[in-house]
Amino acid sequence: MNKKFLAALLALCLTVSLLTGCAGGPYTVSFDGNFSGSESYESVSVSGGKKLEQPADPVREGYDFLGWYQDAAMTDKWDFEAEKVKADMTLYALWDARTGDEIAASAGDKDFSTLKTPGSQESAYEYKTWFLPAVDGINQPYVGDPMPYYEDGVYYIYYLKEAGDSYNHSIYLATTTDFVTYNEQDEPVLEASRSGGQDSWIGTGSVVKVEDQYYLFYTGHTGAANMEFKEKIMVAVSDDLHSFQKVEGWDITPPPSLGQKNDFRDPQCYYDPETGLISMSITASQGNVARILKYTISADLSRQSYDGIIFTNEVGDFWNLECSDTFKIGDTWYITYSAQDDTLWYASSDSQFGPYGQAKRLEGKLFYAAKHVEDGENSYMVGWARRSESASSTQDVAAWGGNIVVQKIVQKDDGELILAPVDAVVDQFQTRRALQIEDSHLVLESGALYTYADVFTCYERFALSGEFSFSGSGSFGLAFDFNGKADKYKMISISPSENKLALYFNEGSTLIAEKEIALEPGAEHSFTYVQEGSVGVFYIDGVAALTVRIYGASGKPIMLFAENNTVEFTSLRQYTN
């Protein structure tokens, strides 16, 4: 057989393989009913590259069948119309309990009808999952710049307390084991100086354990004209994680090469017991160019060295990259930061300290100053949800400080990161509520004008879920009945033609926050939305997350809407806890 004939034969085989989708086999497909006593399905044998014939839907008393999934975590639904079998696999049934399906109200539902303003509603909310400090007799304090730390099953979330009984952003502590309930410590773990010193204002930092000692590295900020440096890195020590004592005379000042003595803050530290060294990253501005710097510090704090710039922002016009962090998932290192007054970004590298590739947005503008924490099994981003200075504002949500929001970090097959709901947060919603439509299925067909359908009710605390597919280019999503006037509606909008998931006020005319997405017409997508008080997070599952702030909607309709699109919504559900 000559070489030309052999090459032609191989090319022909490859062409046939590509055209037929042949991938070997036959492969065995098993079906798991996913509950005790489920009916038994015979495994089927399927040739490689062939579609799988969909079996009859299983039946489970008191439950609705929602589909077959490729993984036991129920994140990847099998598409019988489009997907082809390429390996042995098991498909798992997903169920939804019908418990509480007809419940329209419960003793846990608050009556907000007497609260005439968004502000009065906001003050009546009892935030739990989206942590907010207790009112302390002065005014309502808020959370700024969380500093999460994990040890022995407990997440320690240190934060800058905004107003209330805090003095100039003193550091306080809330602990949790599940991100659903929190224990708030009344007294600060570290108080800003009341004598006009370097740390008359405290900025964020991080906690690191070095042998039997805990170090809290933080930012000391001063407005005093007689101080040489506006910001320095300082440190406090503790042996119990609940109270820290400042180490007098220890600091890190900006390197002379930086060329300025301000905007030098937010230390994030990592201890390596093998080398006995602490690595520290610091955010800084150099001639209005955003940088992240690296330092190395000895375990006894006696020596420190400046190691140079590890990251320079190449995307967007930002003068500082606040609350940076680095962490590893699998074989990939990630750096995250909140660009000044912008969104949460991330970039990836093969090494902890770079070089890092081009940054991408991870979330929207209202999820700010987030840092990672891991517990050996999962990694999370702990940030705060921005608020408005006035709950009645229909133009802006941009005030500093808000509620703690925690989201799970998910690494996709291509190495990209997305955020997903925390399992325990979703699991607390178990009581299914009656919808304002008779069925869980709805089709909206719309031209240039918005088309609305009342579907859900906005409770103080709830979760929504469902699936959607679309065929047009216009927007669709959730509309919140702010005051009964369409031009004041607040909307979580999916815009396929703009590749954008966004929060708008005033029926789409005022953009508040956005996140890039890429969705295909005709494809089926699922969504999850969790709201507590005025804070919500909308997830297009496996695609993107967007934190929102929606005042004044409690007790009012939540509508599905569409414009210039035909959208099919299925498996619609609402739950309360």
Protein backbone atom coordinates (compact mmCIF):
# COMPACT_ATOMS: atom_id res chain seq x y z
CA MET A 1 0.00 0.00 0.00
CA ASN A 2 1.56 3.27 -1.10
CA LYS A 3 1.79 6.34 1.09
CA LYS A 4 -0.59 8.46 -1.00
CA PHE A 5 -3.31 5.78 -0.85
CA LEU A 6 -2.81 5.38 2.90
CA ALA A 7 -3.06 9.14 3.47
CA ALA A 8 -6.24 9.32 1.38
CA LEU A 9 -7.76 6.44 3.31
CA LEU A 10 -6.98 8.07 6.64
CA ALA A 11 -8.48 11.36 5.45
CA LEU A 12 -11.62 9.52 4.29
CA CYS A 13 -11.95 7.80 7.68
CA LEU A 14 -11.56 11.12 9.46
CA THR A 15 -14.22 12.73 7.28
CA VAL A 16 -16.66 9.89 7.91
CA SER A 17 -15.97 10.11 11.62
CA LEU A 18 -16.64 13.87 11.70
CA LEU A 19 -19.81 13.54 9.63
CA THR A 20 -21.24 10.67 11.67
CA GLY A 21 -20.05 11.94 15.03
CA CYS A 22 -18.50 8.54 15.65
CA ALA A 23 -16.63 8.37 18.92
CA GLY A 24 -16.23 4.63 19.45
CA GLY A 25 -18.45 2.64 21.71
CA PRO A 26 -20.90 1.12 22.21
CA TYR A 27 -21.37 2.93 25.52
CA THR A 28 -23.56 2.06 28.50
CA VAL A 29 -26.02 4.66 29.81
CA SER A 30 -27.57 4.06 33.24
CA PHE A 31 -30.49 5.91 34.84
CA ASP A 32 -30.63 6.75 38.55
CA GLY A 33 -34.09 7.64 39.87
CA ASN A 34 -32.32 9.44 42.72
CA PHE A 35 -34.57 8.48 45.63
CA SER A 36 -35.07 5.40 47.81
CA GLY A 37 -37.53 3.02 46.17
CA SER A 38 -37.31 4.64 42.72
CA GLU A 39 -38.35 2.56 39.76
CA SER A 40 -35.63 0.55 38.06
CA TYR A 41 -34.48 1.49 34.58
CA GLU A 42 -32.59 -0.92 32.39
CA SER A 43 -29.25 0.36 31.18
CA VAL A 44 -29.11 1.00 27.45
CA SER A 45 -26.28 0.55 24.98
CA VAL A 46 -25.66 3.45 22.58
CA SER A 47 -23.17 3.72 19.73
CA GLY A 48 -20.63 6.47 20.10
CA GLY A 49 -21.76 9.78 18.62
CA LYS A 50 -25.44 8.79 18.60
CA LYS A 51 -28.31 10.49 20.41
CA LEU A 52 -29.90 8.86 23.41
CA GLU A 53 -33.60 8.03 23.23
CA GLN A 54 -35.43 9.75 26.06
CA PRO A 55 -37.15 7.32 28.43
CA ALA A 56 -40.57 7.84 29.94
CA ASP A 57 -40.55 10.33 32.80
CA PRO A 58 -40.24 8.63 36.19
CA VAL A 59 -42.93 9.13 38.85
CA ARG A 60 -42.44 10.03 42.51
CA GLU A 61 -45.35 10.73 44.82
CA GLY A 62 -45.44 14.34 45.97
CA TYR A 63 -42.74 15.48 43.56
CA ASP A 64 -42.42 16.94 40.06
CA PHE A 65 -39.80 15.48 37.71
CA LEU A 66 -37.53 18.24 36.34
CA GLY A 67 -35.25 16.30 34.01
CA TRP A 68 -32.19 14.05 33.71
CA TYR A 69 -28.79 15.42 34.73
CA GLN A 70 -25.26 14.26 33.94
CA ASP A 71 -23.94 14.81 37.46
CA ALA A 72 -25.18 14.06 40.95
CA ALA A 73 -24.83 17.78 41.82
CA MET A 74 -27.57 18.54 39.25
CA THR A 75 -25.71 21.29 37.44
CA ASP A 76 -25.59 19.86 33.88
CA LYS A 77 -28.92 18.86 32.34
CA TRP A 78 -28.85 16.30 29.50
CA ASP A 79 -30.32 17.57 26.24
CA PHE A 80 -31.82 14.56 24.43
CA GLU A 81 -32.42 16.61 21.26
CA ALA A 82 -28.89 17.95 20.85
CA GLU A 83 -26.31 15.96 22.84
CA LYS A 84 -24.61 12.74 21.71
CA VAL A 85 -23.22 9.91 23.80
CA LYS A 86 -19.43 9.87 23.95
CA ALA A 87 -18.70 7.69 27.00
CA ASP A 88 -20.25 5.45 29.64
CA MET A 89 -22.39 7.60 31.92
CA THR A 90 -25.15 7.77 34.52
CA LEU A 91 -28.06 10.20 34.31
CA TYR A 92 -29.68 11.38 37.55
CA ALA A 93 -33.30 12.40 38.02
CA LEU A 94 -33.96 15.84 39.51
CA TRP A 95 -37.07 16.23 41.68
CA ASP A 96 -38.96 19.16 43.09
CA ALA A 97 -41.17 18.69 46.14
CA ARG A 98 -44.76 19.88 45.82
CA THR A 99 -44.93 20.52 49.58
CA GLY A 100 -46.57 23.85 50.20
CA ASP A 101 -47.58 24.28 46.59
CA GLU A 102 -50.85 25.95 47.47
CA ILE A 103 -49.57 28.13 50.30
CA ALA A 104 -50.17 31.77 49.48
CA ALA A 105 -49.37 33.20 52.90
CA SER A 106 -47.87 32.02 56.15
CA ALA A 107 -47.31 33.27 59.66
CA GLY A 108 -43.76 34.18 58.68
CA ASP A 109 -44.85 36.67 56.03
CA LYS A 110 -44.67 40.27 57.17
CA ASP A 111 -47.35 42.73 56.21
CA PHE A 112 -45.59 45.65 54.53
CA SER A 113 -48.81 47.33 53.43
CA THR A 114 -48.61 49.93 56.21
CA LEU A 115 -45.02 50.85 55.31
CA LYS A 116 -45.49 53.51 52.68
CA THR A 117 -41.87 54.24 51.74
CA PRO A 118 -38.92 52.09 50.63
CA GLY A 119 -36.98 53.43 53.61
CA SER A 120 -39.58 52.26 56.13
CA GLN A 121 -39.60 48.83 54.52
CA GLU A 122 -35.83 48.66 54.62
CA SER A 123 -35.74 49.42 58.34
CA ALA A 124 -38.31 46.65 58.95
CA TYR A 125 -36.29 43.91 57.27
CA GLU A 126 -34.60 41.32 59.46
CA TYR A 127 -31.42 40.56 57.57
CA LYS A 128 -29.87 37.23 58.37
CA THR A 129 -28.30 35.58 55.34
CA TRP A 130 -27.15 38.88 53.84
CA PHE A 131 -25.51 39.98 57.08
CA LEU A 132 -26.11 43.49 58.40
CA PRO A 133 -24.86 44.63 61.84
CA ALA A 134 -27.47 45.21 64.49
CA VAL A 135 -28.65 48.76 65.10
CA ASP A 136 -26.57 49.91 68.03
CA GLY A 137 -28.38 52.94 69.34
CA ILE A 138 -26.74 55.58 67.16
CA ASN A 139 -27.86 54.64 63.67
CA GLN A 140 -27.85 51.71 61.31
CA PRO A 141 -24.27 50.59 60.67
CA TYR A 142 -23.13 48.85 57.49
CA VAL A 143 -20.45 46.42 56.41
CA GLY A 144 -17.39 47.44 54.46
CA ASP A 145 -14.46 45.45 53.02
CA PRO A 146 -14.75 41.96 54.56
CA MET A 147 -11.60 40.09 55.62
CA PRO A 148 -12.61 36.40 55.75
CA TYR A 149 -10.61 33.72 57.58
CA TYR A 150 -11.44 30.02 58.08
CA GLU A 151 -10.43 27.69 60.90
CA ASP A 152 -11.92 24.52 62.42
CA GLY A 153 -15.33 24.73 60.75
CA VAL A 154 -15.85 28.42 61.47
CA TYR A 155 -15.72 31.31 59.01
CA TYR A 156 -14.43 34.46 60.73
CA ILE A 157 -15.56 37.49 58.75
CA TYR A 158 -13.79 40.64 59.91
CA TYR A 159 -15.14 43.85 58.44
CA LEU A 160 -14.88 47.63 58.56
CA LYS A 161 -17.92 48.91 60.36
CA GLU A 162 -19.43 51.96 58.74
CA ALA A 163 -21.03 54.34 61.24
CA GLY A 164 -22.96 53.18 64.25
CA ASP A 165 -20.75 52.78 67.32
CA SER A 166 -17.66 52.25 65.20
CA TYR A 167 -14.87 54.78 65.31
CA ASN A 168 -13.52 55.57 61.83
CA HIS A 169 -13.96 52.08 60.41
CA SER A 170 -12.81 50.07 63.39
CA ILE A 171 -12.70 46.34 62.64
CA TYR A 172 -15.54 44.14 63.88
CA LEU A 173 -16.22 40.41 63.64
CA ALA A 174 -19.11 38.15 62.63
CA THR A 175 -18.77 34.35 62.59
CA THR A 176 -20.75 31.70 60.75
CA THR A 177 -20.59 28.00 60.00
CA ASP A 178 -22.91 28.01 57.00
CA PHE A 179 -23.31 31.58 55.62
CA VAL A 180 -26.96 31.44 56.65
CA THR A 181 -26.81 32.50 60.30
CA TYR A 182 -24.20 34.77 61.88
CA ASN A 183 -22.98 35.53 65.38
CA GLU A 184 -22.07 39.18 65.76
CA GLN A 185 -19.38 40.28 68.22
CA ASP A 186 -20.40 43.47 69.98
CA GLU A 187 -16.95 44.87 70.68
CA PRO A 188 -14.40 45.72 67.96
CA VAL A 189 -11.46 43.39 67.47
CA LEU A 190 -9.30 46.39 66.52
CA GLU A 191 -10.19 50.04 67.05
CA ALA A 192 -9.01 53.02 65.06
CA SER A 193 -6.78 55.44 66.93
CA ARG A 194 -8.60 58.21 68.78
CA SER A 195 -5.43 60.28 69.13
CA GLY A 196 -5.03 61.35 65.53
CA GLY A 197 -2.35 58.77 64.81
CA GLN A 198 -1.42 56.97 61.60
CA ASP A 199 -4.45 54.70 61.88
CA SER A 200 -7.00 57.34 62.83
CA TRP A 201 -8.91 55.60 60.03
CA ILE A 202 -8.53 51.86 59.45
CA GLY A 203 -8.57 50.27 56.01
CA THR A 204 -8.95 46.63 55.11
CA GLY A 205 -6.33 43.91 55.45
CA SER A 206 -6.15 40.19 56.20
CA VAL A 207 -5.63 37.66 58.98
CA VAL A 208 -2.90 35.04 58.74
CA LYS A 209 -1.79 32.39 61.23
CA VAL A 210 1.95 32.12 61.87
CA GLU A 211 2.67 29.15 64.12
CA ASP A 212 0.56 29.82 67.26
CA GLN A 213 0.10 33.53 66.57
CA TYR A 214 -2.50 35.36 64.50
CA TYR A 215 -1.45 38.48 62.61
CA LEU A 216 -3.94 41.04 61.36
CA PHE A 217 -2.23 43.18 58.75
CA TYR A 218 -4.27 46.30 57.99
CA THR A 219 -4.16 49.78 56.45
CA GLY A 220 -3.49 52.78 58.64
CA HIS A 221 -4.91 55.95 57.05
CA THR A 222 -4.50 59.46 58.34
CA GLY A 223 -5.79 62.82 57.24
CA ALA A 224 -3.33 64.75 59.43
CA ALA A 225 -1.31 67.28 57.45
CA ASN A 226 1.81 66.69 59.54
CA MET A 227 2.05 62.99 58.65
CA GLU A 228 4.45 62.04 55.85
CA PHE A 229 2.46 59.07 54.55
CA LYS A 230 -1.30 59.11 54.15
CA GLU A 231 -1.35 55.32 54.22
CA LYS A 232 0.90 52.70 55.74
CA ILE A 233 0.60 48.98 56.30
CA MET A 234 0.37 48.13 60.01
CA VAL A 235 -0.08 44.95 62.06
CA ALA A 236 -1.81 43.68 65.21
CA VAL A 237 -1.49 40.31 66.96
CA SER A 238 -3.87 37.93 68.73
CA ASP A 239 -3.94 34.47 70.25
CA ASP A 240 -7.74 33.97 70.09
CA LEU A 241 -9.02 35.67 66.87
CA HIS A 242 -11.42 37.85 68.91
CA SER A 243 -9.18 40.70 70.05
CA PHE A 244 -6.02 42.10 68.47
CA GLN A 245 -3.29 44.33 69.93
CA LYS A 246 -1.38 46.75 67.74
CA VAL A 247 2.36 46.24 67.28
CA GLU A 248 3.73 49.71 67.88
CA GLY A 249 6.50 50.95 65.62
CA TRP A 250 6.01 48.33 62.89
CA ASP A 251 4.88 49.44 59.45
CA ILE A 252 5.49 49.23 55.72
CA THR A 253 5.64 52.44 53.73
CA PRO A 254 5.33 52.93 49.96
CA PRO A 255 8.58 52.23 48.07
CA PRO A 256 10.32 55.37 46.74
CA SER A 257 9.88 54.05 43.18
CA LEU A 258 6.10 54.42 43.57
CA GLY A 259 6.48 58.16 43.52
CA GLN A 260 3.61 58.93 45.91
CA LYS A 261 2.66 58.54 49.55
CA ASN A 262 -1.05 57.79 49.27
CA ASP A 263 -3.18 54.99 47.80
CA PHE A 264 -1.06 52.24 49.31
CA ARG A 265 -3.35 49.79 51.07
CA ASP A 266 -5.32 46.55 51.48
CA PRO A 267 -2.59 44.03 52.41
CA GLN A 268 -3.38 40.37 51.70
CA CYS A 269 -1.01 37.89 53.36
CA TYR A 270 -0.07 34.25 53.00
CA TYR A 271 2.25 32.28 55.31
CA ASP A 272 4.47 29.45 54.06
CA PRO A 273 5.57 27.27 56.99
CA GLU A 274 8.22 25.56 54.84
CA THR A 275 10.10 28.80 54.21
CA GLY A 276 8.98 30.62 57.36
CA LEU A 277 8.06 33.63 55.22
CA ILE A 278 4.97 35.77 54.82
CA SER A 279 4.09 36.93 51.30
CA MET A 280 2.05 40.10 51.07
CA SER A 281 0.26 41.77 48.18
CA ILE A 282 -0.63 45.48 48.40
CA THR A 283 -2.75 47.60 46.08
CA ALA A 284 -1.22 50.89 45.02
CA SER A 285 -1.47 53.72 42.55
CA GLN A 286 1.55 54.97 40.61
CA GLY A 287 0.87 58.12 38.64
CA ASN A 288 -2.83 57.12 38.47
CA VAL A 289 -1.86 53.70 37.08
CA ALA A 290 -3.28 50.86 39.16
CA ARG A 291 -0.72 48.37 40.49
CA ILE A 292 -0.52 45.39 42.82
CA LEU A 293 2.81 45.06 44.66
CA LYS A 294 4.49 42.16 46.47
CA TYR A 295 6.44 42.11 49.73
CA THR A 296 8.16 39.33 51.68
CA ILE A 297 8.21 39.45 55.50
CA SER A 298 9.92 37.17 58.01
CA ALA A 299 7.70 35.24 60.42
CA ASP A 300 8.95 37.29 63.39
CA LEU A 301 8.27 40.56 61.47
CA SER A 302 11.91 41.62 61.84
CA ARG A 303 12.70 41.72 58.10
CA GLN A 304 10.78 42.90 55.08
CA SER A 305 11.64 43.28 51.41
CA TYR A 306 9.89 44.87 48.44
CA ASP A 307 9.73 42.40 45.54
CA GLY A 308 8.20 44.62 42.84
CA ILE A 309 5.01 44.88 40.81
CA ILE A 310 3.09 41.64 40.17
CA PHE A 311 0.05 43.06 38.35
CA THR A 312 -0.78 46.17 36.37
CA ASN A 313 -4.31 46.85 35.25
CA GLU A 314 -4.58 46.79 31.45
CA VAL A 315 -8.38 46.99 31.19
CA GLY A 316 -10.34 50.12 32.05
CA ASP A 317 -9.29 53.48 33.42
CA PHE A 318 -8.86 52.67 37.12
CA TRP A 319 -6.51 54.41 39.52
CA ASN A 320 -6.60 51.73 42.20
CA LEU A 321 -7.43 48.03 42.49
CA GLU A 322 -8.90 47.58 45.93
CA CYS A 323 -9.02 44.47 48.12
CA SER A 324 -6.88 42.23 45.93
CA ASP A 325 -6.48 38.53 46.68
CA THR A 326 -4.74 35.50 45.18
CA PHE A 327 -5.80 31.88 45.45
CA LYS A 328 -5.37 28.56 43.68
CA ILE A 329 -8.01 26.22 42.24
CA GLY A 330 -6.62 23.07 40.69
CA ASP A 331 -3.42 23.99 38.89
CA THR A 332 -4.42 27.60 38.22
CA TRP A 333 -3.73 30.72 40.27
CA TYR A 334 -6.19 33.61 40.25
CA ILE A 335 -5.90 37.22 41.29
CA THR A 336 -9.06 39.17 42.12
CA TYR A 337 -9.68 42.84 42.86
CA SER A 338 -12.39 45.48 42.89
CA ALA A 339 -11.45 48.28 40.53
CA GLN A 340 -12.12 51.64 42.16
CA ASP A 341 -15.86 52.35 41.95
CA ASP A 342 -16.21 49.58 39.37
CA THR A 343 -16.74 45.83 39.36
CA LEU A 344 -15.06 42.70 40.70
CA TRP A 345 -12.37 41.45 38.28
CA TYR A 346 -10.13 38.40 38.02
CA ALA A 347 -7.12 37.20 36.03
CA SER A 348 -5.31 33.86 35.93
CA SER A 349 -1.71 32.65 35.98
CA ASP A 350 0.44 29.55 36.42
CA SER A 351 2.12 31.22 39.40
CA GLN A 352 0.76 32.96 42.50
CA PHE A 353 2.63 36.16 41.78
CA GLY A 354 2.25 36.22 38.04
CA PRO A 355 2.56 37.09 35.32
CA TYR A 356 -1.23 37.27 35.04
CA GLY A 357 -3.23 37.42 31.82
CA GLN A 358 -5.87 39.93 30.86
CA ALA A 359 -8.50 40.55 33.49
CA LYS A 360 -12.20 39.69 33.09
CA ARG A 361 -15.23 40.86 35.05
CA LEU A 362 -16.46 38.33 37.61
CA GLU A 363 -19.51 40.22 38.92
CA GLY A 364 -21.29 43.56 38.71
CA LYS A 365 -20.75 46.90 40.40
CA LEU A 366 -22.91 46.17 43.44
CA PHE A 367 -20.81 43.22 44.70
CA TYR A 368 -17.75 45.03 45.96
CA ALA A 369 -14.48 44.46 47.84
CA ALA A 370 -14.88 40.67 47.75
CA LYS A 371 -12.12 38.36 48.98
CA HIS A 372 -11.88 34.60 48.88
CA VAL A 373 -12.02 32.08 51.70
CA GLU A 374 -11.76 28.30 51.41
CA ASP A 375 -12.60 25.45 53.76
CA GLY A 376 -10.78 22.52 52.12
CA GLU A 377 -13.80 21.61 50.00
CA ASN A 378 -15.17 24.83 48.49
CA SER A 379 -13.98 28.35 47.82
CA TYR A 380 -16.15 31.42 48.33
CA MET A 381 -16.09 35.15 47.62
CA VAL A 382 -17.15 37.29 50.57
CA GLY A 383 -18.07 40.86 49.60
CA TRP A 384 -20.62 43.54 50.37
CA ALA A 385 -23.68 44.62 48.44
CA ARG A 386 -23.73 48.33 47.75
CA ARG A 387 -26.62 50.43 48.96
CA SER A 388 -28.16 53.78 48.14
CA GLU A 389 -27.84 56.76 50.45
CA SER A 390 -31.60 57.05 50.05
CA ALA A 391 -33.81 54.01 49.68
CA SER A 392 -36.20 56.18 47.67
CA SER A 393 -33.61 56.95 44.99
CA THR A 394 -34.44 55.70 41.52
CA GLN A 395 -31.18 56.98 40.04
CA ASP A 396 -28.27 55.50 41.94
CA VAL A 397 -26.98 52.67 44.13
CA ALA A 398 -23.43 53.62 44.91
CA ALA A 399 -22.98 54.35 48.61
CA TRP A 400 -20.02 52.84 50.46
CA GLY A 401 -20.85 49.86 52.67
CA GLY A 402 -23.82 47.54 52.76
CA ASN A 403 -24.64 43.91 53.52
CA ILE A 404 -22.30 40.92 53.49
CA VAL A 405 -23.02 38.66 50.51
CA VAL A 406 -21.25 35.31 50.04
CA GLN A 407 -21.08 33.41 46.74
CA LYS A 408 -19.45 30.12 45.79
CA ILE A 409 -16.56 30.14 43.31
CA VAL A 410 -16.90 27.65 40.44
CA GLN A 411 -14.08 26.88 38.03
CA LYS A 412 -15.24 25.95 34.52
CA ASP A 413 -13.50 23.39 32.31
CA ASP A 414 -11.71 26.16 30.39
CA GLY A 415 -10.36 27.69 33.62
CA GLU A 416 -12.77 30.62 33.68
CA LEU A 417 -14.47 31.49 36.97
CA ILE A 418 -18.14 32.05 37.66
CA LEU A 419 -20.07 32.59 40.87
CA ALA A 420 -22.86 30.31 42.06
CA PRO A 421 -25.24 30.31 45.03
CA VAL A 422 -24.02 28.90 48.32
CA ASP A 423 -25.67 25.49 48.76
CA ALA A 424 -26.81 26.17 52.32
CA VAL A 425 -28.35 29.48 51.27
CA VAL A 426 -30.50 27.84 48.61
CA ASP A 427 -31.31 24.82 50.79
CA GLN A 428 -32.99 27.01 53.42
CA PHE A 429 -35.83 27.72 50.97
CA GLN A 430 -38.01 24.62 51.16
CA THR A 431 -41.61 25.82 51.23
CA ARG A 432 -43.02 26.15 47.75
CA ARG A 433 -45.41 29.02 47.22
CA ALA A 434 -48.33 29.40 44.88
CA LEU A 435 -47.62 31.36 41.70
CA GLN A 436 -49.88 34.06 40.33
CA ILE A 437 -50.22 31.96 37.19
CA GLU A 438 -51.92 28.56 37.19
CA ASP A 439 -49.03 26.69 35.62
CA SER A 440 -45.24 26.76 35.91
CA HIS A 441 -45.06 27.32 32.14
CA LEU A 442 -45.37 30.70 30.42
CA VAL A 443 -44.69 32.06 26.92
CA LEU A 444 -44.23 35.80 26.38
CA GLU A 445 -44.36 37.17 22.84
CA SER A 446 -43.50 40.82 22.53
CA GLY A 447 -42.84 43.46 19.92
CA ALA A 448 -41.25 46.85 20.55
CA LEU A 449 -43.41 47.48 23.63
CA TYR A 450 -42.80 45.68 26.90
CA THR A 451 -45.06 42.73 27.67
CA TYR A 452 -45.53 41.82 31.34
CA ALA A 453 -47.05 38.91 33.25
CA ASP A 454 -47.55 38.84 37.03
CA VAL A 455 -46.01 35.57 38.23
CA PHE A 456 -44.35 35.91 41.66
CA THR A 457 -44.82 37.87 44.86
CA CYS A 458 -41.96 39.77 46.50
CA TYR A 459 -41.64 38.50 50.07
CA GLU A 460 -39.14 39.61 52.66
CA ARG A 461 -37.03 36.51 51.97
CA PHE A 462 -37.49 34.13 49.01
CA ALA A 463 -35.92 32.22 46.12
CA LEU A 464 -37.04 31.87 42.50
CA SER A 465 -35.98 29.27 39.97
CA GLY A 466 -36.88 28.25 36.47
CA GLU A 467 -35.70 27.70 32.92
CA PHE A 468 -35.95 29.84 29.80
CA SER A 469 -35.27 29.83 26.08
CA PHE A 470 -35.64 32.69 23.62
CA SER A 471 -35.77 33.29 19.88
CA GLY A 472 -35.39 37.06 19.51
CA SER A 473 -32.75 39.70 20.21
CA GLY A 474 -34.63 41.92 22.64
CA SER A 475 -34.47 41.90 26.42
CA PHE A 476 -36.40 39.85 28.99
CA GLY A 477 -36.26 39.03 32.68
CA LEU A 478 -37.80 40.09 36.00
CA ALA A 479 -39.62 43.37 36.63
CA PHE A 480 -40.31 44.56 40.16
CA ASP A 481 -43.43 46.62 40.80
CA PHE A 482 -41.80 49.50 42.59
CA ASN A 483 -44.84 51.74 42.89
CA GLY A 484 -47.37 50.49 40.35
CA LYS A 485 -46.08 52.73 37.58
CA ALA A 486 -44.36 51.01 34.67
CA ASP A 487 -41.89 53.84 34.14
CA LYS A 488 -40.56 53.25 37.67
CA TYR A 489 -40.14 49.47 37.37
CA LYS A 490 -36.83 48.02 38.47
CA MET A 491 -35.66 45.30 36.13
CA ILE A 492 -33.19 42.42 36.10
CA SER A 493 -32.70 42.34 32.36
CA ILE A 494 -31.15 39.74 30.06
CA SER A 495 -30.14 41.32 26.72
CA PRO A 496 -28.82 38.65 24.30
CA SER A 497 -27.95 41.11 21.52
CA GLU A 498 -25.86 43.18 23.93
CA ASN A 499 -24.41 40.12 25.72
CA LYS A 500 -25.47 41.74 28.97
CA LEU A 501 -27.13 40.83 32.26
CA ALA A 502 -28.05 44.07 33.99
CA LEU A 503 -30.03 45.85 36.69
CA TYR A 504 -32.02 48.82 35.40
CA PHE A 505 -34.24 51.33 37.15
CA ASN A 506 -37.08 53.26 35.54
CA GLU A 507 -38.17 50.60 33.03
CA GLY A 508 -34.79 50.15 31.46
CA SER A 509 -33.70 53.77 31.22
CA THR A 510 -31.25 53.95 34.16
CA LEU A 511 -28.41 51.42 34.19
CA ILE A 512 -27.27 50.49 37.71
CA ALA A 513 -25.04 47.39 37.29
CA GLU A 514 -24.13 44.92 34.56
CA LYS A 515 -22.24 41.70 33.77
CA GLU A 516 -21.20 40.28 30.39
CA ILE A 517 -22.92 37.08 29.24
CA ALA A 518 -23.16 35.00 26.06
CA LEU A 519 -26.42 33.14 25.40
CA GLU A 520 -27.57 31.28 22.28
CA PRO A 521 -31.13 31.58 20.92
CA GLY A 522 -33.06 28.33 21.24
CA ALA A 523 -30.81 26.95 23.97
CA GLU A 524 -32.31 26.13 27.37
CA HIS A 525 -30.91 27.98 30.37
CA SER A 526 -31.80 27.81 34.05
CA PHE A 527 -31.87 30.65 36.55
CA THR A 528 -31.84 31.03 40.32
CA TYR A 529 -32.67 34.23 42.14
CA VAL A 530 -32.33 34.75 45.90
CA GLN A 531 -33.54 37.90 47.64
CA GLU A 532 -33.49 39.00 51.27
CA GLY A 533 -34.81 42.45 52.08
CA SER A 534 -33.66 44.73 49.30
CA VAL A 535 -30.59 42.63 48.40
CA GLY A 536 -30.76 39.99 45.69
CA VAL A 537 -28.42 37.91 43.56
CA PHE A 538 -29.55 36.71 40.13
CA TYR A 539 -27.79 33.66 38.65
CA ILE A 540 -27.96 32.37 35.13
CA ASP A 541 -26.78 28.96 36.23
CA GLY A 542 -23.37 28.06 34.88
CA VAL A 543 -23.03 31.45 33.14
CA ALA A 544 -23.03 34.52 35.40
CA ALA A 545 -24.10 36.17 38.65
CA LEU A 546 -25.32 39.70 39.32
CA THR A 547 -25.93 41.30 42.72
CA VAL A 548 -28.82 43.79 42.81
CA ARG A 549 -30.40 46.21 45.28
CA ILE A 550 -34.18 46.69 44.92
CA TYR A 551 -35.94 48.90 47.45
CA GLY A 552 -39.67 49.27 47.98
CA ALA A 553 -40.88 46.08 46.30
CA SER A 554 -41.99 43.94 49.27
CA GLY A 555 -45.53 42.65 49.02
CA LYS A 556 -45.80 43.72 45.38
CA PRO A 557 -45.75 41.70 42.14
CA ILE A 558 -42.62 40.38 40.47
CA MET A 559 -43.35 40.15 36.77
CA LEU A 560 -41.75 38.33 33.90
CA PHE A 561 -41.24 40.66 30.96
CA ALA A 562 -40.07 40.64 27.36
CA GLU A 563 -39.55 43.18 24.58
CA ASN A 564 -38.74 42.37 20.94
CA ASN A 565 -38.51 38.72 21.87
CA THR A 566 -40.38 35.47 22.27
CA VAL A 567 -39.41 33.82 25.54
CA GLU A 568 -40.56 30.49 26.95
CA PHE A 569 -40.31 30.08 30.72
CA THR A 570 -40.68 26.61 32.24
CA SER A 571 -40.41 24.92 35.66
CA LEU A 572 -41.13 28.23 37.40
CA ARG A 573 -40.94 27.97 41.18
CA GLN A 574 -41.00 30.27 44.19
CA TYR A 575 -39.87 29.24 47.67
CA THR A 576 -39.73 30.77 51.12
CA ASN A 577 -37.95 29.49 54.18
